[in-house]
Amino acid sequence: MRTLCPNLDREDALETVLEVPVPEEMISSNKHNSWQTIRSWMLRPPLDAAAVSSVLGGRTAEIQFLLGVIAAPLIPLPIRCDRTTVGDNIKSCPIESSMAKYIVQQYVAAAGGEHVLNSINSMYAVGKVKMAASEFLSGDDLSLGNNSKAGKLKNMKNGRGEIGGFVLWQKRPDLWSLELMVSGYKISAGSDGKVAWRQTPWQHSHASRGPPRPLRRSLQGLDPRSTANLFSNSICIGEKTINGEDCFVLKMEAEPSTLRARSSTKVEIIRHTLWGCFSQRTGLLVQLEDSHLLRIKAPKNDVFWETTMESSIQDYRTVEGVNIAHSGKTSVSLFRFGENSESHTRTKMEEIWSIEEVDFNIKGLSMDCFLPPADLKREDEGSGVINVADCDDLTKNGGVPYKFMANSYRVVGGKGGSKVVAVDEE
């Protein structure tokens, strides 16, 4: 990862520290042109509403779509940070809960032990990502499966996809800051313990509805203590084999009160479920999956969106006594239904991520590092929809057919939201 950008005007001048490190893959053989491109990203003005709303399909719209959905999702519910292990009496719980507590205890031991996890008060991680929208189906194509004429959009195995990097700072589960940049477009997100927020070049900063929740990316093998606290109140629903590894499956459901707090007058969060698969051999978390269903209220027919996100967590390495996952893959499926079959859509995307650097107990990491942006707007009204699209046909260049509307905190789209193809209620 490159952290410094050379001064292209004077060779004897100081280099510029990049806010987000740049993966080596983004520096081509012609380094001068590569650094010129990166400098143009830093000098790029924010996108205004007219510029963004004129984009239909193409690479820019696809990058915005990817960042809005997969860059900084939150987990279903807040995590208590005043405890680090399962403290309840296992014998007094129902069998499903007691099994889950025992599995979490084994996970704590495998991740480094209670004493080591309790000694961590902050963390820092730098990583790189590669993401792409891999499939888009609509109407009758949904029943055609792999033979669909809509077909695959990109395949990262062939080297295609958007490359970028991220920096994550965290002091508690509800005190975190993320900056992620892909192909020159940056999304910032964070929580100061009172409100969670996000900021993009095409939209003003806005707050998430409901209580602040931890970043999902942190629970992908980076924060064992929060993972243990999250699943301490889960239930064990059985076993599952993942890549030849026998695992226990733990399940968590967001409480109705949490769902109501995240809902609004136009969008109702119906459910949000989280599953964690823990290896029976190592005790470590090897897969994290969550699914949530929301309803967009429209004058005629309500539109439903089901989002499923599955992350495989791999390459555990010991860092200062803590087992940290250093790579993985996240797959996302967005399914829209509720009206006639012609308007149904399914979009798939994926992200391959790796951790390049991680450290704990960062000196000087104060509350000032987690302050929200000055232009933060709370969503007292509106749905919190940040990815809105007006979809008709696939674009000629093979990109995702999305038209992104800037500064939009409401459901927009033709015929009462019938053409909204991507939403994120965060």
Protein backbone atom coordinates (compact mmCIF):
# COMPACT_ATOMS: atom_id res chain seq x y z
CA MET A 1 0.00 0.00 0.00
CA ARG A 2 1.29 3.47 -0.94
CA THR A 3 0.81 6.11 1.74
CA LEU A 4 2.69 9.02 0.11
CA CYS A 5 2.09 10.83 -3.16
CA PRO A 6 5.22 12.41 -4.70
CA ASN A 7 5.27 16.09 -5.59
CA LEU A 8 4.96 16.08 -9.37
CA ASP A 9 5.93 19.75 -9.76
CA ARG A 10 9.18 19.76 -7.78
CA GLU A 11 11.41 16.77 -7.13
CA ASP A 12 12.91 18.32 -3.98
CA ALA A 13 9.52 19.07 -2.40
CA LEU A 14 7.88 17.09 0.38
CA GLU A 15 5.57 14.25 -0.50
CA THR A 16 1.85 14.39 0.28
CA VAL A 17 0.38 12.00 2.84
CA LEU A 18 -2.66 10.26 1.36
CA GLU A 19 -5.81 10.18 3.49
CA VAL A 20 -6.46 6.65 2.25
CA PRO A 21 -3.50 4.45 1.23
CA VAL A 22 -3.43 3.38 -2.42
CA PRO A 23 -2.94 -0.30 -3.38
CA GLU A 24 0.16 -1.09 -5.42
CA GLU A 25 -2.07 -2.42 -8.22
CA MET A 26 -3.26 1.12 -8.91
CA ILE A 27 0.28 2.28 -9.72
CA SER A 28 0.91 1.21 -13.30
CA SER A 29 4.25 0.85 -15.07
CA ASN A 30 3.91 4.50 -16.08
CA LYS A 31 4.13 5.83 -12.53
CA HIS A 32 4.02 9.50 -13.53
CA ASN A 33 0.62 9.14 -15.21
CA SER A 34 -0.67 7.06 -12.29
CA TRP A 35 0.29 9.70 -9.74
CA GLN A 36 -1.20 12.41 -11.97
CA THR A 37 -4.50 10.52 -11.87
CA ILE A 38 -4.34 10.12 -8.09
CA ARG A 39 -3.58 13.83 -7.65
CA SER A 40 -6.60 14.68 -9.80
CA TRP A 41 -8.73 12.62 -7.40
CA MET A 42 -7.50 14.69 -4.46
CA LEU A 43 -8.27 17.94 -6.30
CA ARG A 44 -11.65 16.76 -7.62
CA PRO A 45 -14.51 19.00 -6.42
CA PRO A 46 -17.61 17.38 -4.88
CA LEU A 47 -20.20 16.23 -7.40
CA ASP A 48 -23.22 18.49 -7.57
CA ALA A 49 -26.78 17.36 -8.07
CA ALA A 50 -26.84 18.21 -11.77
CA ALA A 51 -23.67 16.28 -12.48
CA VAL A 52 -24.80 13.18 -10.63
CA SER A 53 -28.36 13.11 -11.89
CA SER A 54 -27.08 13.22 -15.48
CA VAL A 55 -25.25 9.93 -15.02
CA LEU A 56 -27.13 6.90 -16.35
CA GLY A 57 -25.23 3.65 -16.31
CA GLY A 58 -21.53 3.52 -16.93
CA ARG A 59 -18.63 3.10 -14.58
CA THR A 60 -19.26 6.17 -12.42
CA ALA A 61 -22.80 5.10 -11.54
CA GLU A 62 -21.67 1.58 -10.82
CA ILE A 63 -18.96 2.77 -8.42
CA GLN A 64 -21.50 4.91 -6.57
CA PHE A 65 -23.85 1.95 -6.37
CA LEU A 66 -21.13 -0.33 -5.01
CA LEU A 67 -19.97 2.16 -2.40
CA GLY A 68 -23.50 2.87 -1.25
CA VAL A 69 -24.34 -0.79 -0.65
CA ILE A 70 -21.18 -2.71 0.21
CA ALA A 71 -18.68 -0.14 1.54
CA ALA A 72 -19.99 0.64 5.03
CA PRO A 73 -23.05 -1.38 6.06
CA LEU A 74 -23.94 -1.63 9.75
CA ILE A 75 -24.90 -4.69 11.77
CA PRO A 76 -28.54 -5.17 12.87
CA LEU A 77 -28.30 -3.99 16.48
CA PRO A 78 -26.05 -2.13 18.94
CA ILE A 79 -23.41 -4.01 20.94
CA ARG A 80 -22.86 -3.55 24.65
CA CYS A 81 -19.27 -2.54 25.31
CA ASP A 82 -19.28 -2.89 29.12
CA ARG A 83 -18.58 -6.61 29.00
CA THR A 84 -16.26 -8.77 26.96
CA THR A 85 -17.34 -12.36 27.48
CA VAL A 86 -20.37 -14.46 28.26
CA GLY A 87 -21.12 -13.71 31.89
CA ASP A 88 -24.49 -15.40 32.35
CA ASN A 89 -24.94 -18.80 33.91
CA ILE A 90 -25.03 -21.23 31.00
CA LYS A 91 -26.97 -23.87 32.94
CA SER A 92 -29.90 -21.53 33.59
CA CYS A 93 -30.52 -20.85 29.88
CA PRO A 94 -32.51 -22.82 27.31
CA ILE A 95 -30.46 -25.43 25.47
CA GLU A 96 -30.19 -23.34 22.27
CA SER A 97 -28.90 -20.33 24.22
CA SER A 98 -26.57 -22.31 26.46
CA MET A 99 -25.02 -24.01 23.42
CA ALA A 100 -24.47 -20.60 21.83
CA LYS A 101 -22.83 -19.23 24.96
CA TYR A 102 -20.50 -22.21 25.11
CA ILE A 103 -19.55 -21.74 21.43
CA VAL A 104 -18.86 -18.05 22.07
CA GLN A 105 -16.65 -18.96 25.03
CA GLN A 106 -14.64 -21.26 22.76
CA TYR A 107 -14.40 -18.43 20.22
CA VAL A 108 -13.04 -16.04 22.85
CA ALA A 109 -10.36 -18.58 23.76
CA ALA A 110 -9.47 -19.20 20.11
CA ALA A 111 -9.30 -15.46 19.35
CA GLY A 112 -6.70 -14.85 22.05
CA GLY A 113 -8.34 -15.26 25.40
CA GLU A 114 -10.35 -13.01 27.69
CA HIS A 115 -7.33 -11.29 29.24
CA VAL A 116 -5.84 -10.29 25.86
CA LEU A 117 -9.16 -9.11 24.42
CA ASN A 118 -9.89 -7.05 27.52
CA SER A 119 -6.52 -5.31 27.20
CA ILE A 120 -7.49 -3.78 23.84
CA ASN A 121 -9.02 -0.31 24.01
CA SER A 122 -8.59 0.79 20.39
CA MET A 123 -7.56 -0.51 16.98
CA TYR A 124 -6.44 0.63 13.55
CA ALA A 125 -6.56 -1.30 10.27
CA VAL A 126 -5.51 -0.59 6.67
CA GLY A 127 -6.74 -2.79 3.86
CA LYS A 128 -7.50 -3.00 0.19
CA VAL A 129 -10.66 -3.96 -1.62
CA LYS A 130 -11.72 -5.06 -5.06
CA MET A 131 -15.42 -4.86 -5.82
CA ALA A 132 -17.75 -5.29 -8.77
CA ALA A 133 -21.41 -5.70 -9.63
CA SER A 134 -21.44 -9.23 -11.01
CA GLU A 135 -25.01 -9.76 -12.19
CA PHE A 136 -28.23 -7.93 -12.95
CA LEU A 137 -31.49 -9.72 -13.73
CA SER A 138 -34.96 -8.30 -14.22
CA GLY A 139 -38.42 -9.50 -15.10
CA ASP A 140 -38.58 -12.89 -16.79
CA ASP A 141 -34.79 -13.18 -16.69
CA LEU A 142 -35.05 -14.07 -12.99
CA SER A 143 -36.46 -17.48 -13.88
CA LEU A 144 -33.79 -18.21 -16.50
CA GLY A 145 -30.89 -18.54 -14.04
CA ASN A 146 -27.44 -18.70 -15.61
CA ASN A 147 -28.92 -18.73 -19.12
CA SER A 148 -30.30 -15.24 -18.68
CA LYS A 149 -29.55 -12.81 -21.49
CA ALA A 150 -28.77 -10.15 -18.87
CA GLY A 151 -25.99 -12.42 -17.69
CA LYS A 152 -22.82 -11.53 -15.88
CA LEU A 153 -21.62 -7.95 -15.80
CA LYS A 154 -18.13 -8.42 -14.39
CA ASN A 155 -15.99 -11.25 -13.15
CA MET A 156 -13.23 -10.29 -10.73
CA LYS A 157 -11.44 -13.56 -11.38
CA ASN A 158 -10.56 -12.17 -14.80
CA GLY A 159 -8.99 -9.10 -13.25
CA ARG A 160 -11.99 -6.82 -13.65
CA GLY A 161 -13.42 -4.80 -10.81
CA GLU A 162 -12.82 -1.55 -8.99
CA ILE A 163 -9.73 -1.42 -6.75
CA GLY A 164 -9.30 0.72 -3.67
CA GLY A 165 -8.20 0.94 -0.08
CA PHE A 166 -9.60 1.80 3.33
CA VAL A 167 -8.54 2.97 6.78
CA LEU A 168 -10.52 2.01 9.88
CA TRP A 169 -10.13 3.48 13.36
CA GLN A 170 -12.10 2.12 16.30
CA LYS A 171 -12.18 2.76 20.02
CA ARG A 172 -15.43 1.02 20.96
CA PRO A 173 -18.06 -0.83 18.94
CA ASP A 174 -20.02 2.42 18.72
CA LEU A 175 -16.98 4.69 18.33
CA TRP A 176 -15.42 4.19 14.91
CA SER A 177 -14.36 5.97 11.73
CA LEU A 178 -13.95 4.56 8.21
CA GLU A 179 -12.57 6.11 5.04
CA LEU A 180 -12.76 3.97 1.92
CA MET A 181 -11.81 5.08 -1.58
CA VAL A 182 -12.39 3.14 -4.78
CA SER A 183 -11.22 4.45 -8.16
CA GLY A 184 -11.09 8.01 -6.86
CA TYR A 185 -14.50 8.04 -5.15
CA LYS A 186 -14.40 8.16 -1.35
CA ILE A 187 -17.01 7.32 1.21
CA SER A 188 -16.56 8.34 4.84
CA ALA A 189 -18.59 6.86 7.67
CA GLY A 190 -18.40 6.80 11.42
CA SER A 191 -20.04 6.93 14.82
CA ASP A 192 -19.35 9.15 17.82
CA GLY A 193 -21.31 6.94 20.21
CA LYS A 194 -24.47 9.00 19.77
CA VAL A 195 -25.12 8.94 16.06
CA ALA A 196 -23.83 6.94 13.09
CA TRP A 197 -23.34 8.81 9.84
CA ARG A 198 -21.95 8.57 6.32
CA GLN A 199 -20.74 11.04 3.72
CA THR A 200 -20.18 10.67 -0.03
CA PRO A 201 -19.14 13.03 -2.85
CA TRP A 202 -22.65 12.90 -4.32
CA GLN A 203 -24.66 13.39 -1.12
CA HIS A 204 -24.57 15.54 1.99
CA SER A 205 -23.63 13.87 5.25
CA HIS A 206 -26.59 12.18 6.87
CA ALA A 207 -27.28 10.26 10.05
CA SER A 208 -28.60 6.74 10.31
CA ARG A 209 -31.94 6.28 11.97
CA GLY A 210 -32.07 4.56 15.33
CA PRO A 211 -29.31 3.98 17.86
CA PRO A 212 -25.68 3.96 16.62
CA ARG A 213 -24.57 0.52 15.48
CA PRO A 214 -21.13 -0.94 14.80
CA LEU A 215 -19.62 -1.25 11.36
CA ARG A 216 -20.15 -4.66 9.81
CA ARG A 217 -16.62 -4.62 8.39
CA SER A 218 -15.22 -4.64 11.94
CA LEU A 219 -16.96 -7.94 12.67
CA GLN A 220 -15.40 -9.62 9.65
CA GLY A 221 -12.58 -10.95 11.79
CA LEU A 222 -11.14 -7.61 12.97
CA ASP A 223 -12.85 -7.18 16.36
CA PRO A 224 -13.19 -10.49 18.24
CA ARG A 225 -14.40 -8.85 21.44
CA SER A 226 -17.34 -7.14 19.74
CA THR A 227 -18.10 -10.34 17.84
CA ALA A 228 -18.24 -12.29 21.11
CA ASN A 229 -20.47 -9.66 22.73
CA LEU A 230 -22.77 -9.62 19.72
CA PHE A 231 -23.35 -13.37 19.70
CA SER A 232 -23.48 -13.73 23.51
CA ASN A 233 -27.29 -13.51 23.33
CA SER A 234 -27.69 -15.63 20.21
CA ILE A 235 -29.10 -19.13 19.81
CA CYS A 236 -27.53 -22.15 18.15
CA ILE A 237 -29.69 -23.38 15.27
CA GLY A 238 -27.57 -26.28 14.04
CA GLU A 239 -24.50 -27.16 12.04
CA LYS A 240 -23.26 -26.34 8.55
CA THR A 241 -20.30 -27.33 6.39
CA ILE A 242 -18.46 -24.38 4.81
CA ASN A 243 -15.58 -25.10 2.43
CA GLY A 244 -15.10 -28.51 4.02
CA GLU A 245 -15.13 -27.05 7.55
CA ASP A 246 -17.81 -28.25 10.00
CA CYS A 247 -19.31 -25.22 11.75
CA PHE A 248 -21.84 -24.32 14.41
CA VAL A 249 -24.41 -21.75 13.28
CA LEU A 250 -25.49 -19.00 15.70
CA LYS A 251 -28.44 -16.73 14.95
CA MET A 252 -29.35 -13.21 16.09
CA GLU A 253 -32.57 -11.29 15.39
CA ALA A 254 -32.95 -7.54 15.65
CA GLU A 255 -35.59 -6.67 18.24
CA PRO A 256 -38.85 -5.04 17.12
CA SER A 257 -38.01 -1.86 19.03
CA THR A 258 -34.73 -1.54 17.12
CA LEU A 259 -36.50 -2.10 13.80
CA ARG A 260 -39.10 0.55 14.63
CA ALA A 261 -36.37 3.05 15.53
CA ARG A 262 -34.70 2.45 12.14
CA SER A 263 -37.97 2.76 10.20
CA SER A 264 -39.57 5.95 8.94
CA THR A 265 -42.86 7.12 7.49
CA LYS A 266 -41.87 5.85 4.04
CA VAL A 267 -39.67 2.85 4.77
CA GLU A 268 -40.43 0.04 7.20
CA ILE A 269 -37.69 -2.37 8.28
CA ILE A 270 -39.56 -5.66 8.61
CA ARG A 271 -36.73 -7.88 9.82
CA HIS A 272 -32.94 -8.03 10.09
CA THR A 273 -31.30 -11.36 10.91
CA LEU A 274 -27.63 -12.20 11.46
CA TRP A 275 -25.92 -15.60 11.35
CA GLY A 276 -22.40 -16.47 12.44
CA CYS A 277 -20.69 -19.75 11.50
CA PHE A 278 -17.96 -20.84 13.92
CA SER A 279 -15.51 -23.57 13.02
CA GLN A 280 -15.78 -26.70 15.17
CA ARG A 281 -12.08 -27.33 14.61
CA THR A 282 -10.56 -23.91 15.38
CA GLY A 283 -13.40 -22.14 17.18
CA LEU A 284 -12.98 -19.08 14.93
CA LEU A 285 -15.63 -17.22 12.93
CA VAL A 286 -15.44 -18.37 9.29
CA GLN A 287 -18.65 -16.89 7.84
CA LEU A 288 -20.89 -13.93 8.67
CA GLU A 289 -24.25 -13.57 6.98
CA ASP A 290 -27.09 -11.14 7.44
CA SER A 291 -30.36 -10.51 5.66
CA HIS A 292 -32.84 -7.72 6.00
CA LEU A 293 -36.22 -7.04 4.45
CA LEU A 294 -37.71 -3.59 4.06
CA ARG A 295 -40.91 -2.23 2.60
CA ILE A 296 -41.07 1.02 0.65
CA LYS A 297 -44.54 2.46 1.02
CA ALA A 298 -46.06 3.67 -2.25
CA PRO A 299 -49.52 5.04 -3.17
CA LYS A 300 -50.50 1.98 -5.18
CA ASN A 301 -48.35 -1.07 -4.49
CA ASP A 302 -45.70 -1.28 -1.81
CA VAL A 303 -42.23 -2.35 -2.98
CA PHE A 304 -40.17 -4.84 -0.98
CA TRP A 305 -36.40 -5.10 -0.90
CA GLU A 306 -34.50 -8.08 0.47
CA THR A 307 -30.76 -7.64 0.94
CA THR A 308 -28.56 -10.63 1.75
CA MET A 309 -24.87 -10.22 2.55
CA GLU A 310 -22.53 -13.17 3.08
CA SER A 311 -18.86 -12.82 4.07
CA SER A 312 -16.31 -15.62 4.12
CA ILE A 313 -13.56 -14.86 6.65
CA GLN A 314 -10.11 -16.35 6.09
CA ASP A 315 -6.37 -16.16 6.70
CA TYR A 316 -6.26 -15.74 10.47
CA ARG A 317 -2.94 -14.48 11.80
CA THR A 318 -1.85 -13.61 15.32
CA VAL A 319 -1.26 -9.89 15.96
CA GLU A 320 -0.14 -9.05 19.50
CA GLY A 321 -1.78 -12.21 20.76
CA VAL A 322 -5.09 -11.70 18.93
CA ASN A 323 -6.25 -13.86 16.00
CA ILE A 324 -7.19 -11.43 13.21
CA ALA A 325 -8.63 -12.40 9.81
CA HIS A 326 -6.54 -10.92 7.00
CA SER A 327 -8.66 -11.68 3.93
CA GLY A 328 -12.11 -12.64 2.81
CA LYS A 329 -14.89 -12.22 0.29
CA THR A 330 -18.31 -10.62 0.65
CA SER A 331 -21.20 -11.41 -1.71
CA VAL A 332 -24.37 -9.31 -1.80
CA SER A 333 -27.73 -10.04 -3.36
CA LEU A 334 -30.45 -7.39 -3.73
CA PHE A 335 -33.92 -8.68 -4.60
CA ARG A 336 -36.77 -6.32 -5.36
CA PHE A 337 -40.36 -7.56 -5.56
CA GLY A 338 -43.93 -6.69 -4.65
CA GLU A 339 -45.45 -5.60 -7.93
CA ASN A 340 -45.87 -7.39 -11.24
CA SER A 341 -43.17 -9.84 -12.25
CA GLU A 342 -41.83 -7.53 -14.97
CA SER A 343 -40.65 -5.06 -12.33
CA HIS A 344 -38.82 -7.64 -10.18
CA THR A 345 -35.04 -7.27 -10.15
CA ARG A 346 -32.10 -9.10 -8.65
CA THR A 347 -28.65 -7.52 -8.45
CA LYS A 348 -25.52 -9.30 -7.25
CA MET A 349 -22.20 -7.77 -6.31
CA GLU A 350 -19.06 -8.96 -4.59
CA GLU A 351 -16.05 -7.61 -2.76
CA ILE A 352 -12.66 -9.23 -2.16
CA TRP A 353 -10.84 -7.64 0.77
CA SER A 354 -7.53 -8.04 2.54
CA ILE A 355 -5.89 -6.48 5.58
CA GLU A 356 -2.44 -5.03 5.02
CA GLU A 357 -1.80 -3.55 8.47
CA VAL A 358 -3.45 -3.74 11.89
CA ASP A 359 -2.47 -2.43 15.31
CA PHE A 360 -4.02 -2.05 18.76
CA ASN A 361 -4.08 0.49 21.61
CA ILE A 362 -3.37 3.52 19.45
CA LYS A 363 -1.91 6.43 21.41
CA GLY A 364 -3.60 9.79 21.02
CA LEU A 365 -6.85 8.45 19.56
CA SER A 366 -9.23 10.90 21.20
CA MET A 367 -12.95 11.63 20.80
CA ASP A 368 -12.06 14.38 18.33
CA CYS A 369 -11.11 11.68 15.84
CA PHE A 370 -14.74 10.49 15.70
CA LEU A 371 -16.63 13.78 15.40
CA PRO A 372 -19.34 13.80 12.71
CA PRO A 373 -19.10 16.22 9.75
CA ALA A 374 -20.27 19.78 10.24
CA ASP A 375 -22.94 19.42 7.53
CA LEU A 376 -24.53 16.37 9.16
CA LYS A 377 -28.28 16.16 8.61
CA ARG A 378 -30.56 13.94 10.63
CA GLU A 379 -33.28 12.05 8.86
CA ASP A 380 -36.28 13.08 10.90
CA GLU A 381 -38.40 12.66 7.81
CA GLY A 382 -37.73 10.64 4.72
CA SER A 383 -36.58 7.11 4.17
CA GLY A 384 -32.84 7.36 4.31
CA VAL A 385 -32.57 5.97 0.83
CA ILE A 386 -29.15 6.81 -0.52
CA ASN A 387 -28.92 4.67 -3.61
CA VAL A 388 -31.76 5.44 -5.91
CA ALA A 389 -31.92 4.43 -9.50
CA ASP A 390 -34.14 4.77 -12.49
CA CYS A 391 -33.62 1.58 -14.45
CA ASP A 392 -34.89 0.76 -17.92
CA ASP A 393 -32.28 -1.07 -19.99
CA LEU A 394 -28.74 -2.25 -19.65
CA THR A 395 -26.30 0.30 -20.93
CA LYS A 396 -24.34 -0.43 -24.06
CA ASN A 397 -21.01 -0.46 -22.27
CA GLY A 398 -22.08 -3.29 -20.00
CA GLY A 399 -22.29 -1.16 -16.87
CA VAL A 400 -25.02 -1.30 -14.28
CA PRO A 401 -28.03 0.72 -15.42
CA TYR A 402 -28.36 3.03 -12.44
CA LYS A 403 -29.14 6.70 -12.30
CA PHE A 404 -28.07 8.15 -8.98
CA MET A 405 -29.93 11.09 -7.51
CA ALA A 406 -27.84 13.42 -5.39
CA ASN A 407 -28.99 14.83 -2.04
CA SER A 408 -31.90 12.39 -1.94
CA TYR A 409 -33.27 11.27 1.38
CA ARG A 410 -36.55 10.12 -0.08
CA VAL A 411 -37.79 7.43 -2.37
CA VAL A 412 -37.73 8.62 -5.96
CA GLY A 413 -38.40 6.86 -9.19
CA GLY A 414 -41.18 6.44 -11.68
CA LYS A 415 -44.66 5.26 -10.74
CA GLY A 416 -44.45 5.42 -7.00
CA GLY A 417 -41.02 3.96 -6.63
CA SER A 418 -41.57 1.13 -9.09
CA LYS A 419 -38.19 1.76 -10.71
CA VAL A 420 -36.10 2.08 -7.60
CA VAL A 421 -33.46 -0.59 -7.98
CA ALA A 422 -31.19 -0.10 -4.99
CA VAL A 423 -31.81 1.24 -1.53
CA ASP A 424 -29.84 1.41 1.67
CA GLU A 425 -31.91 2.31 4.68
CA GLU A 426 -28.76 3.35 6.58
